PDB file of N, CA and C in Angstrom:
ATOM      1  N   MET A   1      27.530 -43.950  28.804  1.00  0.00           N
ATOM      2  CA  MET A   1      26.386 -44.104  27.951  1.00  0.00           C
ATOM      3  C   MET A   1      26.486 -45.457  27.244  1.00  0.00           C
ATOM      4  N   SER A   2      25.389 -46.148  27.248  1.00  0.00           N
ATOM      5  CA  SER A   2      25.402 -47.477  26.641  1.00  0.00           C
ATOM      6  C   SER A   2      25.247 -47.375  25.121  1.00  0.00           C
ATOM      7  N   LYS A   3      25.489 -48.481  24.472  1.00  0.00           N
ATOM      8  CA  LYS A   3      25.416 -48.524  23.016  1.00  0.00           C
ATOM      9  C   LYS A   3      23.995 -48.247  22.522  1.00  0.00           C
ATOM     10  N   ASP A   4      22.987 -48.751  23.237  1.00  0.00           N
ATOM     11  CA  ASP A   4      21.580 -48.523  22.854  1.00  0.00           C
ATOM     12  C   ASP A   4      21.202 -47.051  23.008  1.00  0.00           C
ATOM     13  N   ALA A   5      21.695 -46.411  24.066  1.00  0.00           N
ATOM     14  CA  ALA A   5      21.392 -44.986  24.292  1.00  0.00           C
ATOM     15  C   ALA A   5      22.040 -44.128  23.207  1.00  0.00           C
ATOM     16  N   LYS A   6      23.290 -44.487  22.825  1.00  0.00           N
ATOM     17  CA  LYS A   6      23.966 -43.743  21.753  1.00  0.00           C
ATOM     18  C   LYS A   6      23.218 -43.882  20.429  1.00  0.00           C
ATOM     19  N   GLU A   7      22.759 -45.106  20.138  1.00  0.00           N
ATOM     20  CA  GLU A   7      22.022 -45.337  18.893  1.00  0.00           C
ATOM     21  C   GLU A   7      20.689 -44.589  18.899  1.00  0.00           C
ATOM     22  N   ALA A   8      20.032 -44.555  20.062  1.00  0.00           N
ATOM     23  CA  ALA A   8      18.763 -43.832  20.174  1.00  0.00           C
ATOM     24  C   ALA A   8      18.990 -42.329  19.997  1.00  0.00           C
ATOM     25  N   ALA A   9      20.056 -41.798  20.607  1.00  0.00           N
ATOM     26  CA  ALA A   9      20.369 -40.378  20.466  1.00  0.00           C
ATOM     27  C   ALA A   9      20.722 -40.057  19.017  1.00  0.00           C
ATOM     28  N   LEU A  10      21.496 -40.932  18.378  1.00  0.00           N
ATOM     29  CA  LEU A  10      21.869 -40.739  16.985  1.00  0.00           C
ATOM     30  C   LEU A  10      20.649 -40.793  16.080  1.00  0.00           C
ATOM     31  N   ALA A  11      19.726 -41.710  16.350  1.00  0.00           N
ATOM     32  CA  ALA A  11      18.501 -41.819  15.551  1.00  0.00           C
ATOM     33  C   ALA A  11      17.624 -40.572  15.720  1.00  0.00           C
ATOM     34  N   ALA A  12      17.535 -40.075  16.969  1.00  0.00           N
ATOM     35  CA  ALA A  12      16.743 -38.861  17.212  1.00  0.00           C
ATOM     36  C   ALA A  12      17.372 -37.661  16.506  1.00  0.00           C
ATOM     37  N   HIS A  13      18.715 -37.576  16.555  1.00  0.00           N
ATOM     38  CA  HIS A  13      19.424 -36.482  15.887  1.00  0.00           C
ATOM     39  C   HIS A  13      19.216 -36.556  14.369  1.00  0.00           C
ATOM     40  N   LYS A  14      19.299 -37.763  13.831  1.00  0.00           N
ATOM     41  CA  LYS A  14      19.100 -37.970  12.401  1.00  0.00           C
ATOM     42  C   LYS A  14      17.667 -37.594  11.997  1.00  0.00           C
ATOM     43  N   LYS A  15      16.703 -37.986  12.821  1.00  0.00           N
ATOM     44  CA  LYS A  15      15.308 -37.662  12.536  1.00  0.00           C
ATOM     45  C   LYS A  15      15.085 -36.150  12.545  1.00  0.00           C
ATOM     46  N   ARG A  16      15.711 -35.444  13.515  1.00  0.00           N
ATOM     47  CA  ARG A  16      15.589 -33.988  13.601  1.00  0.00           C
ATOM     48  C   ARG A  16      16.227 -33.322  12.388  1.00  0.00           C
ATOM     49  N   LEU A  17      17.395 -33.807  11.945  1.00  0.00           N
ATOM     50  CA  LEU A  17      18.052 -33.243  10.769  1.00  0.00           C
ATOM     51  C   LEU A  17      17.221 -33.453   9.505  1.00  0.00           C
ATOM     52  N   ILE A  18      16.604 -34.609   9.374  1.00  0.00           N
ATOM     53  CA  ILE A  18      15.749 -34.868   8.214  1.00  0.00           C
ATOM     54  C   ILE A  18      14.544 -33.931   8.214  1.00  0.00           C
ATOM     55  N   ALA A  19      13.949 -33.718   9.389  1.00  0.00           N
ATOM     56  CA  ALA A  19      12.805 -32.803   9.495  1.00  0.00           C
ATOM     57  C   ALA A  19      13.219 -31.374   9.145  1.00  0.00           C
ATOM     58  N   GLU A  20      14.395 -30.933   9.606  1.00  0.00           N
ATOM     59  CA  GLU A  20      14.886 -29.596   9.276  1.00  0.00           C
ATOM     60  C   GLU A  20      15.128 -29.460   7.776  1.00  0.00           C
ATOM     61  N   GLY A  21      15.671 -30.529   7.156  1.00  0.00           N
ATOM     62  CA  GLY A  21      15.902 -30.510   5.714  1.00  0.00           C
ATOM     63  C   GLY A  21      14.598 -30.402   4.938  1.00  0.00           C
ATOM     64  N   GLU A  22      13.582 -31.124   5.367  1.00  0.00           N
ATOM     65  CA  GLU A  22      12.273 -31.039   4.716  1.00  0.00           C
ATOM     66  C   GLU A  22      11.687 -29.643   4.866  1.00  0.00           C
ATOM     67  N   PHE A  23      11.820 -29.068   6.050  1.00  0.00           N
ATOM     68  CA  PHE A  23      11.323 -27.711   6.286  1.00  0.00           C
ATOM     69  C   PHE A  23      12.055 -26.709   5.397  1.00  0.00           C
ATOM     70  N   TYR A  24      13.362 -26.876   5.243  1.00  0.00           N
ATOM     71  CA  TYR A  24      14.162 -25.996   4.396  1.00  0.00           C
ATOM     72  C   TYR A  24      13.719 -26.113   2.939  1.00  0.00           C
ATOM     73  N   ARG A  25      13.502 -27.334   2.467  1.00  0.00           N
ATOM     74  CA  ARG A  25      13.065 -27.538   1.082  1.00  0.00           C
ATOM     75  C   ARG A  25      11.683 -26.931   0.841  1.00  0.00           C
ATOM     76  N   VAL A  26      10.781 -27.075   1.798  1.00  0.00           N
ATOM     77  CA  VAL A  26       9.456 -26.467   1.672  1.00  0.00           C
ATOM     78  C   VAL A  26       9.579 -24.945   1.597  1.00  0.00           C
ATOM     79  N   GLY A  27      10.478 -24.375   2.386  1.00  0.00           N
ATOM     80  CA  GLY A  27      10.706 -22.930   2.341  1.00  0.00           C
ATOM     81  C   GLY A  27      11.216 -22.482   0.984  1.00  0.00           C
ATOM     82  N   ILE A  28      12.094 -23.258   0.377  1.00  0.00           N
ATOM     83  CA  ILE A  28      12.618 -22.909  -0.950  1.00  0.00           C
ATOM     84  C   ILE A  28      11.502 -22.979  -1.992  1.00  0.00           C
ATOM     85  N   VAL A  29      10.692 -24.022  -1.944  1.00  0.00           N
ATOM     86  CA  VAL A  29       9.580 -24.148  -2.891  1.00  0.00           C
ATOM     87  C   VAL A  29       8.605 -22.990  -2.714  1.00  0.00           C
ATOM     88  N   HIS A  30       8.329 -22.632  -1.476  1.00  0.00           N
ATOM     89  CA  HIS A  30       7.420 -21.510  -1.211  1.00  0.00           C
ATOM     90  C   HIS A  30       8.007 -20.210  -1.739  1.00  0.00           C
ATOM     91  N   ALA A  31       9.291 -19.985  -1.544  1.00  0.00           N
ATOM     92  CA  ALA A  31       9.927 -18.757  -2.028  1.00  0.00           C
ATOM     93  C   ALA A  31       9.891 -18.689  -3.552  1.00  0.00           C
ATOM     94  N   ARG A  32      10.142 -19.803  -4.216  1.00  0.00           N
ATOM     95  CA  ARG A  32      10.095 -19.825  -5.680  1.00  0.00           C
ATOM     96  C   ARG A  32       8.685 -19.506  -6.177  1.00  0.00           C
ATOM     97  N   ALA A  33       7.689 -20.101  -5.541  1.00  0.00           N
ATOM     98  CA  ALA A  33       6.301 -19.839  -5.945  1.00  0.00           C
ATOM     99  C   ALA A  33       5.927 -18.390  -5.690  1.00  0.00           C
ATOM    100  N   SER A  34       6.399 -17.842  -4.592  1.00  0.00           N
ATOM    101  CA  SER A  34       6.116 -16.450  -4.265  1.00  0.00           C
ATOM    102  C   SER A  34       6.735 -15.508  -5.296  1.00  0.00           C
ATOM    103  N   VAL A  35       7.970 -15.769  -5.690  1.00  0.00           N
ATOM    104  CA  VAL A  35       8.629 -14.948  -6.703  1.00  0.00           C
ATOM    105  C   VAL A  35       7.928 -15.095  -8.044  1.00  0.00           C
ATOM    106  N   ALA A  36       7.552 -16.311  -8.405  1.00  0.00           N
ATOM    107  CA  ALA A  36       6.855 -16.537  -9.680  1.00  0.00           C
ATOM    108  C   ALA A  36       5.527 -15.796  -9.700  1.00  0.00           C
ATOM    109  N   HIS A  37       4.808 -15.805  -8.578  1.00  0.00           N
ATOM    110  CA  HIS A  37       3.530 -15.083  -8.511  1.00  0.00           C
ATOM    111  C   HIS A  37       3.750 -13.574  -8.584  1.00  0.00           C
ATOM    112  N   ALA A  38       4.775 -13.085  -7.922  1.00  0.00           N
ATOM    113  CA  ALA A  38       5.031 -11.644  -7.892  1.00  0.00           C
ATOM    114  C   ALA A  38       5.411 -11.103  -9.265  1.00  0.00           C
ATOM    115  N   LEU A  39       5.882 -11.956 -10.163  1.00  0.00           N
ATOM    116  CA  LEU A  39       6.280 -11.504 -11.492  1.00  0.00           C
ATOM    117  C   LEU A  39       5.138 -11.537 -12.505  1.00  0.00           C
ATOM    118  N   HIS A  40       3.959 -11.979 -12.107  1.00  0.00           N
ATOM    119  CA  HIS A  40       2.814 -11.953 -13.010  1.00  0.00           C
ATOM    120  C   HIS A  40       2.367 -10.509 -13.214  1.00  0.00           C
ATOM    121  N   PRO A  41       1.903 -10.163 -14.408  1.00  0.00           N
ATOM    122  CA  PRO A  41       1.483  -8.777 -14.676  1.00  0.00           C
ATOM    123  C   PRO A  41       0.395  -8.272 -13.729  1.00  0.00           C
ATOM    124  N   GLN A  42      -0.553  -9.152 -13.373  1.00  0.00           N
ATOM    125  CA  GLN A  42      -1.624  -8.712 -12.476  1.00  0.00           C
ATOM    126  C   GLN A  42      -1.068  -8.332 -11.108  1.00  0.00           C
ATOM    127  N   ALA A  43      -0.131  -9.118 -10.615  1.00  0.00           N
ATOM    128  CA  ALA A  43       0.455  -8.825  -9.301  1.00  0.00           C
ATOM    129  C   ALA A  43       1.271  -7.540  -9.346  1.00  0.00           C
ATOM    130  N   LEU A  44       2.006  -7.343 -10.453  1.00  0.00           N
ATOM    131  CA  LEU A  44       2.781  -6.113 -10.587  1.00  0.00           C
ATOM    132  C   LEU A  44       1.862  -4.897 -10.641  1.00  0.00           C
ATOM    133  N   LEU A  45       0.780  -5.005 -11.403  1.00  0.00           N
ATOM    134  CA  LEU A  45      -0.171  -3.900 -11.505  1.00  0.00           C
ATOM    135  C   LEU A  45      -0.834  -3.630 -10.161  1.00  0.00           C
ATOM    136  N   HIS A  46      -1.210  -4.702  -9.461  1.00  0.00           N
ATOM    137  CA  HIS A  46      -1.838  -4.549  -8.153  1.00  0.00           C
ATOM    138  C   HIS A  46      -0.893  -3.825  -7.182  1.00  0.00           C
ATOM    139  N   GLY A  47       0.374  -4.213  -7.179  1.00  0.00           N
ATOM    140  CA  GLY A  47       1.349  -3.547  -6.310  1.00  0.00           C
ATOM    141  C   GLY A  47       1.535  -2.086  -6.678  1.00  0.00           C
ATOM    142  N   ALA A  48       1.557  -1.793  -7.983  1.00  0.00           N
ATOM    143  CA  ALA A  48       1.717  -0.405  -8.421  1.00  0.00           C
ATOM    144  C   ALA A  48       0.508   0.433  -8.011  1.00  0.00           C
ATOM    145  N   VAL A  49      -0.689  -0.118  -8.157  1.00  0.00           N
ATOM    146  CA  VAL A  49      -1.895   0.614  -7.770  1.00  0.00           C
ATOM    147  C   VAL A  49      -1.916   0.854  -6.264  1.00  0.00           C
ATOM    148  N   GLU A  50      -1.553  -0.151  -5.484  1.00  0.00           N
ATOM    149  CA  GLU A  50      -1.496   0.030  -4.031  1.00  0.00           C
ATOM    150  C   GLU A  50      -0.496   1.114  -3.646  1.00  0.00           C
ATOM    151  N   HIS A  51       0.629   1.133  -4.339  1.00  0.00           N
ATOM    152  CA  HIS A  51       1.649   2.143  -4.065  1.00  0.00           C
ATOM    153  C   HIS A  51       1.126   3.542  -4.395  1.00  0.00           C
ATOM    154  N   MET A  52       0.435   3.684  -5.536  1.00  0.00           N
ATOM    155  CA  MET A  52      -0.111   4.989  -5.924  1.00  0.00           C
ATOM    156  C   MET A  52      -1.188   5.447  -4.950  1.00  0.00           C
ATOM    157  N   VAL A  53      -2.044   4.529  -4.513  1.00  0.00           N
ATOM    158  CA  VAL A  53      -3.101   4.897  -3.576  1.00  0.00           C
ATOM    159  C   VAL A  53      -2.497   5.345  -2.240  1.00  0.00           C
ATOM    160  N   GLY A  54      -1.482   4.631  -1.790  1.00  0.00           N
ATOM    161  CA  GLY A  54      -0.812   5.036  -0.549  1.00  0.00           C
ATOM    162  C   GLY A  54      -0.167   6.401  -0.667  1.00  0.00           C
ATOM    163  N   TYR A  55       0.466   6.649  -1.814  1.00  0.00           N
ATOM    164  CA  TYR A  55       1.105   7.954  -2.040  1.00  0.00           C
ATOM    165  C   TYR A  55       0.050   9.058  -2.104  1.00  0.00           C
ATOM    166  N   ALA A  56      -1.051   8.804  -2.822  1.00  0.00           N
ATOM    167  CA  ALA A  56      -2.104   9.813  -2.936  1.00  0.00           C
ATOM    168  C   ALA A  56      -2.720  10.096  -1.571  1.00  0.00           C
ATOM    169  N   GLY A  57      -2.940   9.056  -0.774  1.00  0.00           N
ATOM    170  CA  GLY A  57      -3.492   9.268   0.565  1.00  0.00           C
ATOM    171  C   GLY A  57      -2.567  10.090   1.441  1.00  0.00           C
ATOM    172  N   ALA A  58      -1.272   9.841   1.338  1.00  0.00           N
ATOM    173  CA  ALA A  58      -0.311  10.621   2.119  1.00  0.00           C
ATOM    174  C   ALA A  58      -0.294  12.081   1.665  1.00  0.00           C
ATOM    175  N   ARG A  59      -0.386  12.290   0.353  1.00  0.00           N
ATOM    176  CA  ARG A  59      -0.407  13.668  -0.164  1.00  0.00           C
ATOM    177  C   ARG A  59      -1.657  14.405   0.295  1.00  0.00           C
ATOM    178  N   VAL A  60      -2.797  13.721   0.253  1.00  0.00           N
ATOM    179  CA  VAL A  60      -4.043  14.354   0.696  1.00  0.00           C
ATOM    180  C   VAL A  60      -3.949  14.685   2.178  1.00  0.00           C
ATOM    181  N   ASP A  61      -3.378  13.795   2.963  1.00  0.00           N
ATOM    182  CA  ASP A  61      -3.216  14.068   4.390  1.00  0.00           C
ATOM    183  C   ASP A  61      -2.340  15.288   4.625  1.00  0.00           C
ATOM    184  N   THR A  62      -1.256  15.418   3.863  1.00  0.00           N
ATOM    185  CA  THR A  62      -0.389  16.583   4.058  1.00  0.00           C
ATOM    186  C   THR A  62      -1.077  17.868   3.606  1.00  0.00           C
ATOM    187  N   LEU A  63      -1.936  17.773   2.586  1.00  0.00           N
ATOM    188  CA  LEU A  63      -2.649  18.971   2.146  1.00  0.00           C
ATOM    189  C   LEU A  63      -3.729  19.390   3.137  1.00  0.00           C
ATOM    190  N   LEU A  64      -4.373  18.400   3.760  1.00  0.00           N
ATOM    191  CA  LEU A  64      -5.464  18.712   4.685  1.00  0.00           C
ATOM    192  C   LEU A  64      -4.972  18.988   6.099  1.00  0.00           C
ATOM    193  N   ALA A  65      -3.760  18.567   6.431  1.00  0.00           N
ATOM    194  CA  ALA A  65      -3.262  18.691   7.801  1.00  0.00           C
ATOM    195  C   ALA A  65      -3.185  20.135   8.298  1.00  0.00           C
ATOM    196  N   PRO A  66      -2.728  21.109   7.506  1.00  0.00           N
ATOM    197  CA  PRO A  66      -2.666  22.476   8.040  1.00  0.00           C
ATOM    198  C   PRO A  66      -4.030  23.012   8.466  1.00  0.00           C
ATOM    199  N   GLY A  67      -5.092  22.570   7.842  1.00  0.00           N
ATOM    200  CA  GLY A  67      -6.429  23.017   8.213  1.00  0.00           C
ATOM    201  C   GLY A  67      -7.002  22.254   9.381  1.00  0.00           C
ATOM    202  N   GLY A  68      -6.277  21.270   9.888  1.00  0.00           N
ATOM    203  CA  GLY A  68      -6.745  20.488  11.011  1.00  0.00           C
ATOM    204  C   GLY A  68      -7.691  19.372  10.610  1.00  0.00           C
ATOM    205  N   LEU A  69      -7.781  19.120   9.314  1.00  0.00           N
ATOM    206  CA  LEU A  69      -8.690  18.096   8.821  1.00  0.00           C
ATOM    207  C   LEU A  69      -7.867  16.981   8.213  1.00  0.00           C
ATOM    208  N   GLY A  70      -8.000  15.789   8.743  1.00  0.00           N
ATOM    209  CA  GLY A  70      -7.261  14.645   8.217  1.00  0.00           C
ATOM    210  C   GLY A  70      -8.091  13.877   7.205  1.00  0.00           C
ATOM    211  N   TRP A  71      -7.460  12.928   6.547  1.00  0.00           N
ATOM    212  CA  TRP A  71      -8.129  12.113   5.534  1.00  0.00           C
ATOM    213  C   TRP A  71      -9.318  11.377   6.136  1.00  0.00           C
ATOM    214  N   LYS A  72      -9.134  10.807   7.321  1.00  0.00           N
ATOM    215  CA  LYS A  72     -10.209  10.046   7.945  1.00  0.00           C
ATOM    216  C   LYS A  72     -11.339  10.966   8.406  1.00  0.00           C
ATOM    217  N   ALA A  73     -11.018  12.168   8.777  1.00  0.00           N
ATOM    218  CA  ALA A  73     -12.057  13.108   9.197  1.00  0.00           C
ATOM    219  C   ALA A  73     -12.814  13.670   7.999  1.00  0.00           C
ATOM    220  N   ALA A  74     -12.153  13.744   6.837  1.00  0.00           N
ATOM    221  CA  ALA A  74     -12.802  14.303   5.648  1.00  0.00           C
ATOM    222  C   ALA A  74     -13.649  13.277   4.910  1.00  0.00           C
ATOM    223  N   THR A  75     -13.430  12.000   5.159  1.00  0.00           N
ATOM    224  CA  THR A  75     -14.144  10.945   4.430  1.00  0.00           C
ATOM    225  C   THR A  75     -15.669  11.051   4.544  1.00  0.00           C
ATOM    226  N   PRO A  76     -16.244  11.342   5.720  1.00  0.00           N
ATOM    227  CA  PRO A  76     -17.712  11.455   5.772  1.00  0.00           C
ATOM    228  C   PRO A  76     -18.268  12.591   4.899  1.00  0.00           C
ATOM    229  N   TYR A  77     -17.453  13.579   4.577  1.00  0.00           N
ATOM    230  CA  TYR A  77     -17.906  14.664   3.713  1.00  0.00           C
ATOM    231  C   TYR A  77     -17.669  14.337   2.238  1.00  0.00           C
ATOM    232  N   ILE A  78     -16.613  13.596   1.965  1.00  0.00           N
ATOM    233  CA  ILE A  78     -16.244  13.294   0.583  1.00  0.00           C
ATOM    234  C   ILE A  78     -17.146  12.221  -0.022  1.00  0.00           C
ATOM    235  N   LEU A  79     -17.444  11.166   0.728  1.00  0.00           N
ATOM    236  CA  LEU A  79     -18.225  10.048   0.184  1.00  0.00           C
ATOM    237  C   LEU A  79     -19.621  10.452  -0.286  1.00  0.00           C
ATOM    238  N   PRO A  80     -20.396  11.226   0.468  1.00  0.00           N
ATOM    239  CA  PRO A  80     -21.703  11.639  -0.062  1.00  0.00           C
ATOM    240  C   PRO A  80     -21.585  12.491  -1.322  1.00  0.00           C
ATOM    241  N   ALA A  81     -20.557  13.327  -1.392  1.00  0.00           N
ATOM    242  CA  ALA A  81     -20.361  14.150  -2.596  1.00  0.00           C
ATOM    243  C   ALA A  81     -20.045  13.263  -3.798  1.00  0.00           C
ATOM    244  N   LEU A  82     -19.176  12.269  -3.610  1.00  0.00           N
ATOM    245  CA  LEU A  82     -18.857  11.352  -4.706  1.00  0.00           C
ATOM    246  C   LEU A  82     -20.068  10.523  -5.112  1.00  0.00           C
ATOM    247  N   THR A  83     -20.879  10.105  -4.150  1.00  0.00           N
ATOM    248  CA  THR A  83     -22.094   9.356  -4.451  1.00  0.00           C
ATOM    249  C   THR A  83     -23.070  10.207  -5.250  1.00  0.00           C
ATOM    250  N   PHE A  84     -23.214  11.466  -4.865  1.00  0.00           N
ATOM    251  CA  PHE A  84     -24.097  12.383  -5.587  1.00  0.00           C
ATOM    252  C   PHE A  84     -23.619  12.574  -7.022  1.00  0.00           C
ATOM    253  N   ILE A  85     -22.316  12.757  -7.191  1.00  0.00           N
ATOM    254  CA  ILE A  85     -21.754  12.950  -8.536  1.00  0.00           C
ATOM    255  C   ILE A  85     -21.979  11.713  -9.393  1.00  0.00           C
ATOM    256  N   ALA A  86     -21.764  10.546  -8.833  1.00  0.00           N
ATOM    257  CA  ALA A  86     -21.955   9.318  -9.598  1.00  0.00           C
ATOM    258  C   ALA A  86     -23.431   9.085  -9.925  1.00  0.00           C
ATOM    259  N   ARG A  87     -24.317   9.407  -8.993  1.00  0.00           N
ATOM    260  CA  ARG A  87     -25.752   9.194  -9.209  1.00  0.00           C
ATOM    261  C   ARG A  87     -26.288  10.123 -10.295  1.00  0.00           C
ATOM    262  N   LYS A  88     -25.834  11.359 -10.320  1.00  0.00           N
ATOM    263  CA  LYS A  88     -26.304  12.335 -11.307  1.00  0.00           C
ATOM    264  C   LYS A  88     -25.586  12.214 -12.647  1.00  0.00           C
ATOM    265  N   LYS A  89     -24.589  11.319 -12.712  1.00  0.00           N
ATOM    266  CA  LYS A  89     -23.818  11.094 -13.943  1.00  0.00           C
ATOM    267  C   LYS A  89     -23.172  12.379 -14.452  1.00  0.00           C
ATOM    268  N   ILE A  90     -22.562  13.111 -13.532  1.00  0.00           N
ATOM    269  CA  ILE A  90     -21.844  14.335 -13.897  1.00  0.00           C
ATOM    270  C   ILE A  90     -20.362  14.183 -13.562  1.00  0.00           C
ATOM    271  N   ILE A  91     -19.834  13.007 -13.870  1.00  0.00           N
ATOM    272  CA  ILE A  91     -18.447  12.713 -13.511  1.00  0.00           C
ATOM    273  C   ILE A  91     -17.478  13.575 -14.302  1.00  0.00           C
ATOM    274  N   LYS A  92     -17.682  13.681 -15.624  1.00  0.00           N
ATOM    275  CA  LYS A  92     -16.756  14.460 -16.448  1.00  0.00           C
ATOM    276  C   LYS A  92     -16.759  15.941 -16.075  1.00  0.00           C
ATOM    277  N   PRO A  93     -17.920  16.573 -15.917  1.00  0.00           N
ATOM    278  CA  PRO A  93     -17.880  17.973 -15.475  1.00  0.00           C
ATOM    279  C   PRO A  93     -17.255  18.136 -14.087  1.00  0.00           C
ATOM    280  N   ALA A  94     -17.509  17.171 -13.193  1.00  0.00           N
ATOM    281  CA  ALA A  94     -16.923  17.258 -11.849  1.00  0.00           C
ATOM    282  C   ALA A  94     -15.407  17.132 -11.920  1.00  0.00           C
ATOM    283  N   LEU A  95     -14.904  16.243 -12.788  1.00  0.00           N
ATOM    284  CA  LEU A  95     -13.452  16.129 -12.956  1.00  0.00           C
ATOM    285  C   LEU A  95     -12.872  17.422 -13.508  1.00  0.00           C
ATOM    286  N   GLY A  96     -13.575  18.032 -14.452  1.00  0.00           N
ATOM    287  CA  GLY A  96     -13.113  19.312 -15.001  1.00  0.00           C
ATOM    288  C   GLY A  96     -13.052  20.385 -13.932  1.00  0.00           C
ATOM    289  N   VAL A  97     -14.087  20.469 -13.125  1.00  0.00           N
ATOM    290  CA  VAL A  97     -14.097  21.449 -12.032  1.00  0.00           C
ATOM    291  C   VAL A  97     -12.981  21.141 -11.044  1.00  0.00           C
ATOM    292  N   GLY A  98     -12.760  19.865 -10.756  1.00  0.00           N
ATOM    293  CA  GLY A  98     -11.676  19.479  -9.841  1.00  0.00           C
ATOM    294  C   GLY A  98     -10.316  19.892 -10.370  1.00  0.00           C
ATOM    295  N   VAL A  99     -10.099  19.710 -11.677  1.00  0.00           N
ATOM    296  CA  VAL A  99      -8.828  20.116 -12.281  1.00  0.00           C
ATOM    297  C   VAL A  99      -8.674  21.623 -12.215  1.00  0.00           C
ATOM    298  N   LEU A 100      -9.754  22.355 -12.490  1.00  0.00           N
ATOM    299  CA  LEU A 100      -9.685  23.817 -12.410  1.00  0.00           C
ATOM    300  C   LEU A 100      -9.402  24.293 -10.988  1.00  0.00           C
ATOM    301  N   VAL A 101     -10.045  23.676 -10.018  1.00  0.00           N
ATOM    302  CA  VAL A 101      -9.813  24.061  -8.616  1.00  0.00           C
ATOM    303  C   VAL A 101      -8.381  23.736  -8.213  1.00  0.00           C
ATOM    304  N   ALA A 102      -7.891  22.575  -8.623  1.00  0.00           N
ATOM    305  CA  ALA A 102      -6.511  22.206  -8.285  1.00  0.00           C
ATOM    306  C   ALA A 102      -5.520  23.164  -8.935  1.00  0.00           C
ATOM    307  N   ALA A 103      -5.784  23.557 -10.181  1.00  0.00           N
ATOM    308  CA  ALA A 103      -4.906  24.517 -10.862  1.00  0.00           C
ATOM    309  C   ALA A 103      -4.942  25.866 -10.155  1.00  0.00           C
ATOM    310  N   ALA A 104      -6.131  26.299  -9.739  1.00  0.00           N
ATOM    311  CA  ALA A 104      -6.240  27.583  -9.043  1.00  0.00           C
ATOM    312  C   ALA A 104      -5.506  27.546  -7.702  1.00  0.00           C
ATOM    313  N   VAL A 105      -5.661  26.464  -6.984  1.00  0.00           N
ATOM    314  CA  VAL A 105      -4.967  26.343  -5.694  1.00  0.00           C
ATOM    315  C   VAL A 105      -3.458  26.312  -5.910  1.00  0.00           C
ATOM    316  N   GLY A 106      -3.011  25.577  -6.913  1.00  0.00           N
ATOM    317  CA  GLY A 106      -1.577  25.555  -7.226  1.00  0.00           C
ATOM    318  C   GLY A 106      -1.053  26.924  -7.603  1.00  0.00           C
ATOM    319  N   TRP A 107      -1.830  27.653  -8.386  1.00  0.00           N
ATOM    320  CA  TRP A 107      -1.413  29.009  -8.783  1.00  0.00           C
ATOM    321  C   TRP A 107      -1.336  29.915  -7.560  1.00  0.00           C
ATOM    322  N   LEU A 108      -2.332  29.824  -6.674  1.00  0.00           N
ATOM    323  CA  LEU A 108      -2.319  30.664  -5.471  1.00  0.00           C
ATOM    324  C   LEU A 108      -1.148  30.320  -4.559  1.00  0.00           C
ATOM    325  N   VAL A 109      -0.848  29.054  -4.416  1.00  0.00           N
ATOM    326  CA  VAL A 109       0.274  28.650  -3.565  1.00  0.00           C
ATOM    327  C   VAL A 109       1.580  29.166  -4.130  1.00  0.00           C
ATOM    328  N   ARG A 110       1.763  29.046  -5.447  1.00  0.00           N
ATOM    329  CA  ARG A 110       2.989  29.572  -6.081  1.00  0.00           C
ATOM    330  C   ARG A 110       3.085  31.079  -5.929  1.00  0.00           C
ATOM    331  N   ARG A 111       1.967  31.748  -6.100  1.00  0.00           N
ATOM    332  CA  ARG A 111       1.961  33.209  -5.981  1.00  0.00           C
ATOM    333  C   ARG A 111       2.320  33.636  -4.559  1.00  0.00           C
ATOM    334  N   LYS A 112       1.785  32.909  -3.577  1.00  0.00           N
ATOM    335  CA  LYS A 112       2.114  33.205  -2.186  1.00  0.00           C
ATOM    336  C   LYS A 112       3.607  33.021  -1.924  1.00  0.00           C
ATOM    337  N   ARG A 113       4.177  31.945  -2.466  1.00  0.00           N
ATOM    338  CA  ARG A 113       5.599  31.680  -2.243  1.00  0.00           C
ATOM    339  C   ARG A 113       6.467  32.744  -2.906  1.00  0.00           C
ATOM    340  N   ARG A 114       6.081  33.172  -4.112  1.00  0.00           N
ATOM    341  CA  ARG A 114       6.880  34.182  -4.820  1.00  0.00           C
ATOM    342  C   ARG A 114       6.844  35.533  -4.130  1.00  0.00           C
ATOM    343  N   THR A 115       5.667  35.929  -3.666  1.00  0.00           N
ATOM    344  CA  THR A 115       5.548  37.234  -3.044  1.00  0.00           C
ATOM    345  C   THR A 115       5.966  37.233  -1.581  1.00  0.00           C
ATOM    346  N   GLY A 116       6.090  36.053  -1.011  1.00  0.00           N
ATOM    347  CA  GLY A 116       6.534  35.951   0.377  1.00  0.00           C
ATOM    348  C   GLY A 116       5.451  36.228   1.387  1.00  0.00           C
ATOM    349  N   VAL A 117       4.195  36.191   0.954  1.00  0.00           N
ATOM    350  CA  VAL A 117       3.080  36.433   1.860  1.00  0.00           C
ATOM    351  C   VAL A 117       2.851  35.189   2.688  1.00  0.00           C
ATOM    352  N   ALA A 118       2.863  35.321   3.996  1.00  0.00           N
ATOM    353  CA  ALA A 118       2.608  34.187   4.882  1.00  0.00           C
ATOM    354  C   ALA A 118       1.145  34.194   5.244  1.00  0.00           C
ATOM    355  N   GLY A 119       0.566  33.020   5.183  1.00  0.00           N
ATOM    356  CA  GLY A 119      -0.786  32.897   5.274  1.00  0.00           C
ATOM    357  C   GLY A 119      -1.742  32.908   6.235  1.00  0.00           C
TER     358      GLY A 119
END
């Protein structure tokens, strides 16, 4: 290998190392900005809400699964009911009825488990 070829190879290697270093530094700056953004209260709240919605959706799916009705299959029935409730401005009474129905279902499930009646 001639002296010019060695210098050209060394220059190319040096150029590649400099480019890798710049890429590494950009990655560090991006990671710092990402962490700084994730620590903002709005981002924390958004993540918590997403987590709760995912958990609630999974719970609804497990409750509806024994009846053969999934969350996606129940949505066409739920949305018109919610629209009707919002349009008639009966949200508070509907929430009260929902709480009563949930309490009744919980009581029935506990009673079934205690008595050993299979359903």
